[in-house]
Amino acid sequence: MDAENIRAKVKKVFFDLFQKDESKIQDSYCTDNFFGSKMGLLPGDVVAYLYAVEKEFNLQIPSSYIQEGKFNTLDNVTNIICEVLQKKDD
């Protein structure tokens, strides 16, 4: 699966889970921090999103990504999934 397909799925999971209208979303949405004023997610929301992403991609996100604060934007989630999937293939 290439990065663009992964990115599309990451966004779809997000928009489906939080019932956001993608057509009303600004370009910066993929780089906005989940906890920032634009996104305004609560910690529990991010945990729910983490579980939804893991289920969608049938993988487990290593806790190191969470502890290092990398699971914080849609772009970063895409990068994490690409890395995890690449490690699975190696």
PDB file of N, CA and C in Angstrom:
ATOM      1  N   MET A   1       0.852  -1.176   0.000  1.00  0.00           N
ATOM      2  CA  MET A   1       0.000   0.000   0.000  1.00  0.00           C
ATOM      3  C   MET A   1       0.899   1.241   0.000  1.00  0.00           C
ATOM      4  N   ASP A   2       0.631   2.164  -0.901  1.00  0.00           N
ATOM      5  CA  ASP A   2       1.483   3.352  -0.977  1.00  0.00           C
ATOM      6  C   ASP A   2       1.008   4.442  -0.015  1.00  0.00           C
ATOM      7  N   ALA A   3       1.852   5.436   0.175  1.00  0.00           N
ATOM      8  CA  ALA A   3       1.601   6.491   1.162  1.00  0.00           C
ATOM      9  C   ALA A   3       0.318   7.265   0.879  1.00  0.00           C
ATOM     10  N   GLU A   4      -0.004   7.491  -0.380  1.00  0.00           N
ATOM     11  CA  GLU A   4      -1.225   8.240  -0.711  1.00  0.00           C
ATOM     12  C   GLU A   4      -2.481   7.455  -0.318  1.00  0.00           C
ATOM     13  N   ASN A   5      -2.472   6.149  -0.537  1.00  0.00           N
ATOM     14  CA  ASN A   5      -3.607   5.317  -0.122  1.00  0.00           C
ATOM     15  C   ASN A   5      -3.730   5.282   1.397  1.00  0.00           C
ATOM     16  N   ILE A   6      -2.593   5.200   2.060  1.00  0.00           N
ATOM     17  CA  ILE A   6      -2.593   5.210   3.525  1.00  0.00           C
ATOM     18  C   ILE A   6      -3.145   6.541   4.026  1.00  0.00           C
ATOM     19  N   ARG A   7      -2.670   7.635   3.444  1.00  0.00           N
ATOM     20  CA  ARG A   7      -3.150   8.962   3.854  1.00  0.00           C
ATOM     21  C   ARG A   7      -4.659   9.089   3.665  1.00  0.00           C
ATOM     22  N   ALA A   8      -5.167   8.601   2.553  1.00  0.00           N
ATOM     23  CA  ALA A   8      -6.609   8.668   2.290  1.00  0.00           C
ATOM     24  C   ALA A   8      -7.394   7.883   3.335  1.00  0.00           C
ATOM     25  N   LYS A   9      -6.886   6.707   3.704  1.00  0.00           N
ATOM     26  CA  LYS A   9      -7.559   5.891   4.722  1.00  0.00           C
ATOM     27  C   LYS A   9      -7.488   6.545   6.096  1.00  0.00           C
ATOM     28  N   VAL A  10      -6.324   7.124   6.434  1.00  0.00           N
ATOM     29  CA  VAL A  10      -6.145   7.810   7.723  1.00  0.00           C
ATOM     30  C   VAL A  10      -7.176   8.931   7.848  1.00  0.00           C
ATOM     31  N   LYS A  11      -7.332   9.692   6.781  1.00  0.00           N
ATOM     32  CA  LYS A  11      -8.297  10.791   6.786  1.00  0.00           C
ATOM     33  C   LYS A  11      -9.728  10.263   6.871  1.00  0.00           C
ATOM     34  N   LYS A  12     -10.028   9.214   6.119  1.00  0.00           N
ATOM     35  CA  LYS A  12     -11.389   8.675   6.128  1.00  0.00           C
ATOM     36  C   LYS A  12     -11.769   8.174   7.514  1.00  0.00           C
ATOM     37  N   VAL A  13     -10.859   7.458   8.167  1.00  0.00           N
ATOM     38  CA  VAL A  13     -11.128   6.970   9.522  1.00  0.00           C
ATOM     39  C   VAL A  13     -11.417   8.153  10.439  1.00  0.00           C
ATOM     40  N   PHE A  14     -10.615   9.207  10.315  1.00  0.00           N
ATOM     41  CA  PHE A  14     -10.793  10.398  11.153  1.00  0.00           C
ATOM     42  C   PHE A  14     -12.152  11.043  10.903  1.00  0.00           C
ATOM     43  N   PHE A  15     -12.459  11.294   9.639  1.00  0.00           N
ATOM     44  CA  PHE A  15     -13.711  11.984   9.310  1.00  0.00           C
ATOM     45  C   PHE A  15     -14.927  11.143   9.671  1.00  0.00           C
ATOM     46  N   ASP A  16     -14.839   9.835   9.488  1.00  0.00           N
ATOM     47  CA  ASP A  16     -15.948   8.955   9.862  1.00  0.00           C
ATOM     48  C   ASP A  16     -16.139   8.926  11.373  1.00  0.00           C
ATOM     49  N   LEU A  17     -15.046   8.814  12.109  1.00  0.00           N
ATOM     50  CA  LEU A  17     -15.121   8.718  13.568  1.00  0.00           C
ATOM     51  C   LEU A  17     -15.668   9.995  14.195  1.00  0.00           C
ATOM     52  N   PHE A  18     -15.198  11.138  13.710  1.00  0.00           N
ATOM     53  CA  PHE A  18     -15.586  12.412  14.317  1.00  0.00           C
ATOM     54  C   PHE A  18     -16.677  13.143  13.538  1.00  0.00           C
ATOM     55  N   GLN A  19     -17.220  12.491  12.529  1.00  0.00           N
ATOM     56  CA  GLN A  19     -18.326  13.013  11.733  1.00  0.00           C
ATOM     57  C   GLN A  19     -18.072  14.435  11.257  1.00  0.00           C
ATOM     58  N   LYS A  20     -16.895  14.609  10.664  1.00  0.00           N
ATOM     59  CA  LYS A  20     -16.504  15.907  10.105  1.00  0.00           C
ATOM     60  C   LYS A  20     -16.773  15.890   8.606  1.00  0.00           C
ATOM     61  N   ASP A  21     -17.143  17.033   8.070  1.00  0.00           N
ATOM     62  CA  ASP A  21     -17.368  17.179   6.640  1.00  0.00           C
ATOM     63  C   ASP A  21     -16.052  17.585   5.989  1.00  0.00           C
ATOM     64  N   GLU A  22     -15.464  16.658   5.234  1.00  0.00           N
ATOM     65  CA  GLU A  22     -14.145  16.898   4.645  1.00  0.00           C
ATOM     66  C   GLU A  22     -14.143  18.099   3.709  1.00  0.00           C
ATOM     67  N   SER A  23     -15.255  18.403   3.068  1.00  0.00           N
ATOM     68  CA  SER A  23     -15.299  19.525   2.129  1.00  0.00           C
ATOM     69  C   SER A  23     -15.156  20.874   2.833  1.00  0.00           C
ATOM     70  N   LYS A  24     -15.405  20.913   4.144  1.00  0.00           N
ATOM     71  CA  LYS A  24     -15.294  22.165   4.899  1.00  0.00           C
ATOM     72  C   LYS A  24     -13.958  22.298   5.625  1.00  0.00           C
ATOM     73  N   ILE A  25     -13.070  21.341   5.409  1.00  0.00           N
ATOM     74  CA  ILE A  25     -11.793  21.308   6.116  1.00  0.00           C
ATOM     75  C   ILE A  25     -10.737  22.092   5.348  1.00  0.00           C
ATOM     76  N   GLN A  26      -9.949  22.874   6.079  1.00  0.00           N
ATOM     77  CA  GLN A  26      -8.884  23.665   5.468  1.00  0.00           C
ATOM     78  C   GLN A  26      -7.697  22.776   5.109  1.00  0.00           C
ATOM     79  N   ASP A  27      -6.850  23.286   4.210  1.00  0.00           N
ATOM     80  CA  ASP A  27      -5.673  22.537   3.765  1.00  0.00           C
ATOM     81  C   ASP A  27      -4.746  22.163   4.911  1.00  0.00           C
ATOM     82  N   SER A  28      -4.648  23.012   5.912  1.00  0.00           N
ATOM     83  CA  SER A  28      -3.716  22.766   7.015  1.00  0.00           C
ATOM     84  C   SER A  28      -4.199  21.680   7.971  1.00  0.00           C
ATOM     85  N   TYR A  29      -5.385  21.169   7.761  1.00  0.00           N
ATOM     86  CA  TYR A  29      -5.970  20.206   8.691  1.00  0.00           C
ATOM     87  C   TYR A  29      -5.081  18.994   8.927  1.00  0.00           C
ATOM     88  N   CYS A  30      -4.385  18.548   7.897  1.00  0.00           N
ATOM     89  CA  CYS A  30      -3.539  17.356   8.035  1.00  0.00           C
ATOM     90  C   CYS A  30      -2.295  17.607   8.867  1.00  0.00           C
ATOM     91  N   THR A  31      -1.919  18.868   9.027  1.00  0.00           N
ATOM     92  CA  THR A  31      -0.734  19.198   9.823  1.00  0.00           C
ATOM     93  C   THR A  31      -1.088  19.850  11.159  1.00  0.00           C
ATOM     94  N   ASP A  32      -2.368  20.100  11.401  1.00  0.00           N
ATOM     95  CA  ASP A  32      -2.798  20.702  12.667  1.00  0.00           C
ATOM     96  C   ASP A  32      -2.727  19.676  13.790  1.00  0.00           C
ATOM     97  N   ASN A  33      -2.205  20.116  14.933  1.00  0.00           N
ATOM     98  CA  ASN A  33      -2.092  19.262  16.103  1.00  0.00           C
ATOM     99  C   ASN A  33      -3.477  18.878  16.607  1.00  0.00           C
ATOM    100  N   PHE A  34      -3.648  17.594  16.953  1.00  0.00           N
ATOM    101  CA  PHE A  34      -4.933  17.121  17.447  1.00  0.00           C
ATOM    102  C   PHE A  34      -5.425  17.921  18.654  1.00  0.00           C
ATOM    103  N   PHE A  35      -4.499  18.382  19.487  1.00  0.00           N
ATOM    104  CA  PHE A  35      -4.883  19.071  20.709  1.00  0.00           C
ATOM    105  C   PHE A  35      -4.920  20.593  20.548  1.00  0.00           C
ATOM    106  N   GLY A  36      -4.634  21.092  19.345  1.00  0.00           N
ATOM    107  CA  GLY A  36      -4.654  22.529  19.093  1.00  0.00           C
ATOM    108  C   GLY A  36      -6.071  23.074  19.025  1.00  0.00           C
ATOM    109  N   SER A  37      -6.171  24.391  18.902  1.00  0.00           N
ATOM    110  CA  SER A  37      -7.483  25.033  18.916  1.00  0.00           C
ATOM    111  C   SER A  37      -8.327  24.697  17.691  1.00  0.00           C
ATOM    112  N   LYS A  38      -7.705  24.429  16.548  1.00  0.00           N
ATOM    113  CA  LYS A  38      -8.479  24.098  15.335  1.00  0.00           C
ATOM    114  C   LYS A  38      -9.110  22.718  15.446  1.00  0.00           C
ATOM    115  N   MET A  39      -8.327  21.750  15.915  1.00  0.00           N
ATOM    116  CA  MET A  39      -8.835  20.378  16.005  1.00  0.00           C
ATOM    117  C   MET A  39      -9.616  20.183  17.303  1.00  0.00           C
ATOM    118  N   GLY A  40      -9.043  20.608  18.396  1.00  0.00           N
ATOM    119  CA  GLY A  40      -9.713  20.581  19.687  1.00  0.00           C
ATOM    120  C   GLY A  40     -10.136  19.203  20.185  1.00  0.00           C
ATOM    121  N   LEU A  41      -9.348  18.184  19.890  1.00  0.00           N
ATOM    122  CA  LEU A  41      -9.694  16.848  20.364  1.00  0.00           C
ATOM    123  C   LEU A  41      -9.314  16.683  21.828  1.00  0.00           C
ATOM    124  N   LEU A  42     -10.064  15.880  22.508  1.00  0.00           N
ATOM    125  CA  LEU A  42      -9.756  15.518  23.885  1.00  0.00           C
ATOM    126  C   LEU A  42      -8.886  14.273  23.874  1.00  0.00           C
ATOM    127  N   PRO A  43      -8.159  14.015  24.965  1.00  0.00           N
ATOM    128  CA  PRO A  43      -7.311  12.813  25.000  1.00  0.00           C
ATOM    129  C   PRO A  43      -8.079  11.532  24.675  1.00  0.00           C
ATOM    130  N   GLY A  44      -9.287  11.412  25.178  1.00  0.00           N
ATOM    131  CA  GLY A  44     -10.092  10.225  24.889  1.00  0.00           C
ATOM    132  C   GLY A  44     -10.430  10.087  23.412  1.00  0.00           C
ATOM    133  N   ASP A  45     -10.611  11.234  22.746  1.00  0.00           N
ATOM    134  CA  ASP A  45     -10.865  11.212  21.304  1.00  0.00           C
ATOM    135  C   ASP A  45      -9.668  10.636  20.561  1.00  0.00           C
ATOM    136  N   VAL A  46      -8.480  11.034  20.975  1.00  0.00           N
ATOM    137  CA  VAL A  46      -7.267  10.573  20.309  1.00  0.00           C
ATOM    138  C   VAL A  46      -7.072   9.075  20.546  1.00  0.00           C
ATOM    139  N   VAL A  47      -7.403   8.613  21.743  1.00  0.00           N
ATOM    140  CA  VAL A  47      -7.321   7.183  22.028  1.00  0.00           C
ATOM    141  C   VAL A  47      -8.304   6.413  21.140  1.00  0.00           C
ATOM    142  N   ALA A  48      -9.518   6.929  21.000  1.00  0.00           N
ATOM    143  CA  ALA A  48     -10.504   6.279  20.129  1.00  0.00           C
ATOM    144  C   ALA A  48     -10.000   6.247  18.688  1.00  0.00           C
ATOM    145  N   TYR A  49      -9.375   7.331  18.258  1.00  0.00           N
ATOM    146  CA  TYR A  49      -8.828   7.392  16.903  1.00  0.00           C
ATOM    147  C   TYR A  49      -7.676   6.395  16.739  1.00  0.00           C
ATOM    148  N   LEU A  50      -6.825   6.294  17.760  1.00  0.00           N
ATOM    149  CA  LEU A  50      -5.725   5.330  17.732  1.00  0.00           C
ATOM    150  C   LEU A  50      -6.264   3.917  17.523  1.00  0.00           C
ATOM    151  N   TYR A  51      -7.277   3.540  18.287  1.00  0.00           N
ATOM    152  CA  TYR A  51      -7.845   2.199  18.159  1.00  0.00           C
ATOM    153  C   TYR A  51      -8.493   2.002  16.788  1.00  0.00           C
ATOM    154  N   ALA A  52      -9.156   3.028  16.273  1.00  0.00           N
ATOM    155  CA  ALA A  52      -9.802   2.928  14.960  1.00  0.00           C
ATOM    156  C   ALA A  52      -8.768   2.740  13.850  1.00  0.00           C
ATOM    157  N   VAL A  53      -7.646   3.454  13.967  1.00  0.00           N
ATOM    158  CA  VAL A  53      -6.565   3.331  12.981  1.00  0.00           C
ATOM    159  C   VAL A  53      -5.947   1.938  13.052  1.00  0.00           C
ATOM    160  N   GLU A  54      -5.696   1.464  14.261  1.00  0.00           N
ATOM    161  CA  GLU A  54      -5.117   0.126  14.412  1.00  0.00           C
ATOM    162  C   GLU A  54      -6.037  -0.934  13.823  1.00  0.00           C
ATOM    163  N   LYS A  55      -7.316  -0.782  14.022  1.00  0.00           N
ATOM    164  CA  LYS A  55      -8.275  -1.746  13.476  1.00  0.00           C
ATOM    165  C   LYS A  55      -8.307  -1.661  11.950  1.00  0.00           C
ATOM    166  N   GLU A  56      -8.336  -0.448  11.411  1.00  0.00           N
ATOM    167  CA  GLU A  56      -8.408  -0.263   9.961  1.00  0.00           C
ATOM    168  C   GLU A  56      -7.211  -0.881   9.242  1.00  0.00           C
ATOM    169  N   PHE A  57      -6.023  -0.712   9.822  1.00  0.00           N
ATOM    170  CA  PHE A  57      -4.800  -1.175   9.175  1.00  0.00           C
ATOM    171  C   PHE A  57      -4.323  -2.529   9.713  1.00  0.00           C
ATOM    172  N   ASN A  58      -5.049  -3.090  10.668  1.00  0.00           N
ATOM    173  CA  ASN A  58      -4.711  -4.380  11.253  1.00  0.00           C
ATOM    174  C   ASN A  58      -3.263  -4.407  11.746  1.00  0.00           C
ATOM    175  N   LEU A  59      -2.951  -3.430  12.590  1.00  0.00           N
ATOM    176  CA  LEU A  59      -1.616  -3.339  13.172  1.00  0.00           C
ATOM    177  C   LEU A  59      -1.703  -2.682  14.541  1.00  0.00           C
ATOM    178  N   GLN A  60      -0.584  -2.710  15.247  1.00  0.00           N
ATOM    179  CA  GLN A  60      -0.510  -2.038  16.539  1.00  0.00           C
ATOM    180  C   GLN A  60       0.542  -0.949  16.444  1.00  0.00           C
ATOM    181  N   ILE A  61       0.160   0.271  16.820  1.00  0.00           N
ATOM    182  CA  ILE A  61       1.094   1.402  16.838  1.00  0.00           C
ATOM    183  C   ILE A  61       1.983   1.234  18.068  1.00  0.00           C
ATOM    184  N   PRO A  62       3.303   1.160  17.893  1.00  0.00           N
ATOM    185  CA  PRO A  62       4.191   1.046  19.056  1.00  0.00           C
ATOM    186  C   PRO A  62       4.014   2.241  20.007  1.00  0.00           C
ATOM    187  N   SER A  63       4.034   1.959  21.286  1.00  0.00           N
ATOM    188  CA  SER A  63       3.819   3.009  22.292  1.00  0.00           C
ATOM    189  C   SER A  63       4.874   4.106  22.219  1.00  0.00           C
ATOM    190  N   SER A  64       6.049   3.799  21.669  1.00  0.00           N
ATOM    191  CA  SER A  64       7.095   4.820  21.572  1.00  0.00           C
ATOM    192  C   SER A  64       6.633   6.028  20.764  1.00  0.00           C
ATOM    193  N   TYR A  65       5.818   5.792  19.731  1.00  0.00           N
ATOM    194  CA  TYR A  65       5.303   6.917  18.935  1.00  0.00           C
ATOM    195  C   TYR A  65       4.390   7.814  19.773  1.00  0.00           C
ATOM    196  N   ILE A  66       3.626   7.204  20.653  1.00  0.00           N
ATOM    197  CA  ILE A  66       2.716   7.960  21.517  1.00  0.00           C
ATOM    198  C   ILE A  66       3.527   8.731  22.560  1.00  0.00           C
ATOM    199  N   GLN A  67       4.468   8.050  23.194  1.00  0.00           N
ATOM    200  CA  GLN A  67       5.273   8.668  24.241  1.00  0.00           C
ATOM    201  C   GLN A  67       6.108   9.824  23.716  1.00  0.00           C
ATOM    202  N   GLU A  68       6.550   9.730  22.481  1.00  0.00           N
ATOM    203  CA  GLU A  68       7.363  10.793  21.888  1.00  0.00           C
ATOM    204  C   GLU A  68       6.507  11.921  21.313  1.00  0.00           C
ATOM    205  N   GLY A  69       5.187  11.808  21.416  1.00  0.00           N
ATOM    206  CA  GLY A  69       4.290  12.852  20.941  1.00  0.00           C
ATOM    207  C   GLY A  69       4.150  12.913  19.436  1.00  0.00           C
ATOM    208  N   LYS A  70       4.429  11.809  18.760  1.00  0.00           N
ATOM    209  CA  LYS A  70       4.366  11.801  17.297  1.00  0.00           C
ATOM    210  C   LYS A  70       2.968  11.492  16.760  1.00  0.00           C
ATOM    211  N   PHE A  71       2.129  10.899  17.559  1.00  0.00           N
ATOM    212  CA  PHE A  71       0.760  10.582  17.130  1.00  0.00           C
ATOM    213  C   PHE A  71      -0.105  11.816  17.405  1.00  0.00           C
ATOM    214  N   ASN A  72       0.154  12.892  16.620  1.00  0.00           N
ATOM    215  CA  ASN A  72      -0.510  14.161  16.941  1.00  0.00           C
ATOM    216  C   ASN A  72      -1.066  14.928  15.748  1.00  0.00           C
ATOM    217  N   THR A  73      -0.848  14.437  14.535  1.00  0.00           N
ATOM    218  CA  THR A  73      -1.431  15.053  13.339  1.00  0.00           C
ATOM    219  C   THR A  73      -1.781  13.941  12.353  1.00  0.00           C
ATOM    220  N   LEU A  74      -2.646  14.246  11.416  1.00  0.00           N
ATOM    221  CA  LEU A  74      -2.996  13.245  10.410  1.00  0.00           C
ATOM    222  C   LEU A  74      -1.790  12.871   9.559  1.00  0.00           C
ATOM    223  N   ASP A  75      -0.955  13.848   9.230  1.00  0.00           N
ATOM    224  CA  ASP A  75       0.260  13.542   8.460  1.00  0.00           C
ATOM    225  C   ASP A  75       1.203  12.643   9.249  1.00  0.00           C
ATOM    226  N   ASN A  76       1.364  12.923  10.541  1.00  0.00           N
ATOM    227  CA  ASN A  76       2.243  12.089  11.358  1.00  0.00           C
ATOM    228  C   ASN A  76       1.703  10.671  11.491  1.00  0.00           C
ATOM    229  N   VAL A  77       0.385  10.535  11.610  1.00  0.00           N
ATOM    230  CA  VAL A  77      -0.221   9.207  11.695  1.00  0.00           C
ATOM    231  C   VAL A  77       0.056   8.434  10.403  1.00  0.00           C
ATOM    232  N   THR A  78      -0.056   9.120   9.275  1.00  0.00           N
ATOM    233  CA  THR A  78       0.262   8.488   7.988  1.00  0.00           C
ATOM    234  C   THR A  78       1.702   7.999   7.969  1.00  0.00           C
ATOM    235  N   ASN A  79       2.626   8.845   8.411  1.00  0.00           N
ATOM    236  CA  ASN A  79       4.042   8.470   8.434  1.00  0.00           C
ATOM    237  C   ASN A  79       4.295   7.283   9.363  1.00  0.00           C
ATOM    238  N   ILE A  80       3.644   7.291  10.513  1.00  0.00           N
ATOM    239  CA  ILE A  80       3.805   6.192  11.467  1.00  0.00           C
ATOM    240  C   ILE A  80       3.336   4.880  10.837  1.00  0.00           C
ATOM    241  N   ILE A  81       2.182   4.906  10.210  1.00  0.00           N
ATOM    242  CA  ILE A  81       1.642   3.691   9.608  1.00  0.00           C
ATOM    243  C   ILE A  81       2.564   3.197   8.496  1.00  0.00           C
ATOM    244  N   CYS A  82       3.079   4.115   7.682  1.00  0.00           N
ATOM    245  CA  CYS A  82       4.027   3.720   6.629  1.00  0.00           C
ATOM    246  C   CYS A  82       5.240   3.024   7.229  1.00  0.00           C
ATOM    247  N   GLU A  83       5.782   3.575   8.320  1.00  0.00           N
ATOM    248  CA  GLU A  83       6.948   2.976   8.975  1.00  0.00           C
ATOM    249  C   GLU A  83       6.627   1.600   9.548  1.00  0.00           C
ATOM    250  N   VAL A  84       5.486   1.498  10.220  1.00  0.00           N
ATOM    251  CA  VAL A  84       5.106   0.229  10.847  1.00  0.00           C
ATOM    252  C   VAL A  84       4.877  -0.843   9.784  1.00  0.00           C
ATOM    253  N   LEU A  85       4.198  -0.488   8.704  1.00  0.00           N
ATOM    254  CA  LEU A  85       3.948  -1.452   7.634  1.00  0.00           C
ATOM    255  C   LEU A  85       5.243  -1.870   6.947  1.00  0.00           C
ATOM    256  N   GLN A  86       6.167  -0.921   6.796  1.00  0.00           N
ATOM    257  CA  GLN A  86       7.448  -1.258   6.174  1.00  0.00           C
ATOM    258  C   GLN A  86       8.237  -2.231   7.054  1.00  0.00           C
ATOM    259  N   LYS A  87       8.202  -2.020   8.357  1.00  0.00           N
ATOM    260  CA  LYS A  87       8.884  -2.919   9.284  1.00  0.00           C
ATOM    261  C   LYS A  87       8.268  -4.318   9.246  1.00  0.00           C
ATOM    262  N   LYS A  88       6.945  -4.388   9.062  1.00  0.00           N
ATOM    263  CA  LYS A  88       6.280  -5.690   8.970  1.00  0.00           C
ATOM    264  C   LYS A  88       6.725  -6.451   7.734  1.00  0.00           C
ATOM    265  N   ASP A  89       6.994  -5.711   6.644  1.00  0.00           N
ATOM    266  CA  ASP A  89       7.389  -6.346   5.386  1.00  0.00           C
ATOM    267  C   ASP A  89       8.845  -6.794   5.375  1.00  0.00           C
ATOM    268  N   ASP A  90       9.668  -6.178   6.238  1.00  0.00           N
ATOM    269  CA  ASP A  90      11.116  -6.505   6.270  1.00  0.00           C
ATOM    270  C   ASP A  90      11.384  -7.851   6.885  1.00  0.00           C
TER     271      ASP A  90
END
